[in-house]
Amino acid sequence: MSSLHNRASDFRTSAAECLLLATSVTDQRTRTALLAMAQRWLDLADAPLGAGRLDTALQGFNDQQMRKR
């Protein structure tokens, strides 16, 4: 269980990093992308994670980010 807790904590840390970066950029598209990424990290942190669900969620997140480029 502590492994899932550590992952949730890591996800929240990643969200905080995205928010911090969003405050320092001037490009609106970049800021919007960082805010969306922060929200996704928080969603992952709060989601119940079953076996294999993390990999699926992360793959979906990565796919979404790649489509935006």
C-alpha atoms as a PDB file:
ATOM      1  CA  MET A   1       0.000   0.000   0.000  1.00  0.00           C
ATOM      2  CA  SER A   2       2.853   2.402   0.727  1.00  0.00           C
ATOM      3  CA  SER A   3       3.953   2.017  -2.893  1.00  0.00           C
ATOM      4  CA  LEU A   4       0.624   3.430  -4.092  1.00  0.00           C
ATOM      5  CA  HIS A   5       0.861   6.182  -1.498  1.00  0.00           C
ATOM      6  CA  ASN A   6       4.359   7.047  -2.730  1.00  0.00           C
ATOM      7  CA  ARG A   7       3.121   7.166  -6.304  1.00  0.00           C
ATOM      8  CA  ALA A   8       0.252   9.456  -5.347  1.00  0.00           C
ATOM      9  CA  SER A   9       2.747  11.696  -3.556  1.00  0.00           C
ATOM     10  CA  ASP A  10       5.007  11.664  -6.620  1.00  0.00           C
ATOM     11  CA  PHE A  11       2.047  12.585  -8.832  1.00  0.00           C
ATOM     12  CA  ARG A  12       1.179  15.493  -6.553  1.00  0.00           C
ATOM     13  CA  THR A  13       4.797  16.637  -6.684  1.00  0.00           C
ATOM     14  CA  SER A  14       4.688  16.525 -10.480  1.00  0.00           C
ATOM     15  CA  ALA A  15       1.470  18.558 -10.433  1.00  0.00           C
ATOM     16  CA  ALA A  16       3.110  21.159  -8.203  1.00  0.00           C
ATOM     17  CA  GLU A  17       6.091  21.364 -10.560  1.00  0.00           C
ATOM     18  CA  CYS A  18       3.769  21.945 -13.516  1.00  0.00           C
ATOM     19  CA  LEU A  19       1.964  24.690 -11.608  1.00  0.00           C
ATOM     20  CA  LEU A  20       5.241  26.334 -10.693  1.00  0.00           C
ATOM     21  CA  LEU A  21       6.393  26.246 -14.306  1.00  0.00           C
ATOM     22  CA  ALA A  22       3.043  27.659 -15.432  1.00  0.00           C
ATOM     23  CA  THR A  23       3.633  30.747 -13.309  1.00  0.00           C
ATOM     24  CA  SER A  24       6.944  31.432 -15.025  1.00  0.00           C
ATOM     25  CA  VAL A  25       6.002  31.110 -18.705  1.00  0.00           C
ATOM     26  CA  THR A  26       4.604  33.930 -20.800  1.00  0.00           C
ATOM     27  CA  ASP A  27       3.271  31.868 -23.702  1.00  0.00           C
ATOM     28  CA  GLN A  28      -0.442  31.244 -23.143  1.00  0.00           C
ATOM     29  CA  ARG A  29      -0.472  27.896 -24.979  1.00  0.00           C
ATOM     30  CA  THR A  30       2.400  26.611 -22.868  1.00  0.00           C
ATOM     31  CA  ARG A  31       0.743  27.833 -19.680  1.00  0.00           C
ATOM     32  CA  THR A  32      -2.542  26.159 -20.644  1.00  0.00           C
ATOM     33  CA  ALA A  33      -0.739  22.894 -21.405  1.00  0.00           C
ATOM     34  CA  LEU A  34       1.088  22.992 -18.066  1.00  0.00           C
ATOM     35  CA  LEU A  35      -2.134  23.653 -16.176  1.00  0.00           C
ATOM     36  CA  ALA A  36      -3.840  20.769 -17.967  1.00  0.00           C
ATOM     37  CA  MET A  37      -0.878  18.543 -17.192  1.00  0.00           C
ATOM     38  CA  ALA A  38      -1.023  19.529 -13.515  1.00  0.00           C
ATOM     39  CA  GLN A  39      -4.710  18.661 -13.417  1.00  0.00           C
ATOM     40  CA  ARG A  40      -4.037  15.275 -14.980  1.00  0.00           C
ATOM     41  CA  TRP A  41      -1.313  14.529 -12.432  1.00  0.00           C
ATOM     42  CA  LEU A  42      -3.764  15.393  -9.645  1.00  0.00           C
ATOM     43  CA  ASP A  43      -6.407  13.195 -11.247  1.00  0.00           C
ATOM     44  CA  LEU A  44      -3.931  10.324 -11.282  1.00  0.00           C
ATOM     45  CA  ALA A  45      -2.972  10.982  -7.664  1.00  0.00           C
ATOM     46  CA  ASP A  46      -6.606  10.789  -6.573  1.00  0.00           C
ATOM     47  CA  ALA A  47      -7.653   7.852  -8.768  1.00  0.00           C
ATOM     48  CA  PRO A  48      -8.011   4.391  -7.258  1.00  0.00           C
ATOM     49  CA  LEU A  49      -5.277   2.328  -8.857  1.00  0.00           C
ATOM     50  CA  GLY A  50      -5.834  -1.324  -9.493  1.00  0.00           C
ATOM     51  CA  ALA A  51      -3.475  -3.801 -11.097  1.00  0.00           C
ATOM     52  CA  GLY A  52      -2.299  -2.416 -14.415  1.00  0.00           C
ATOM     53  CA  ARG A  53      -4.432   0.702 -14.108  1.00  0.00           C
ATOM     54  CA  LEU A  54      -1.420   2.950 -13.536  1.00  0.00           C
ATOM     55  CA  ASP A  55       0.249   1.833 -16.758  1.00  0.00           C
ATOM     56  CA  THR A  56      -2.978   2.398 -18.689  1.00  0.00           C
ATOM     57  CA  ALA A  57      -3.476   5.837 -17.143  1.00  0.00           C
ATOM     58  CA  LEU A  58       0.093   6.917 -17.804  1.00  0.00           C
ATOM     59  CA  GLN A  59      -0.021   5.660 -21.377  1.00  0.00           C
ATOM     60  CA  GLY A  60      -3.242   7.607 -21.966  1.00  0.00           C
ATOM     61  CA  PHE A  61      -1.676  10.712 -20.471  1.00  0.00           C
ATOM     62  CA  ASN A  62       1.453  10.363 -22.611  1.00  0.00           C
ATOM     63  CA  ASP A  63      -0.595   9.765 -25.749  1.00  0.00           C
ATOM     64  CA  GLN A  64      -2.671  12.863 -25.051  1.00  0.00           C
ATOM     65  CA  GLN A  65       0.422  14.997 -24.567  1.00  0.00           C
ATOM     66  CA  MET A  66       2.014  13.733 -27.791  1.00  0.00           C
ATOM     67  CA  ARG A  67      -1.120  14.527 -29.827  1.00  0.00           C
ATOM     68  CA  LYS A  68      -0.921  18.168 -28.722  1.00  0.00           C
ATOM     69  CA  ARG A  69       2.428  18.702 -30.422  1.00  0.00           C
END
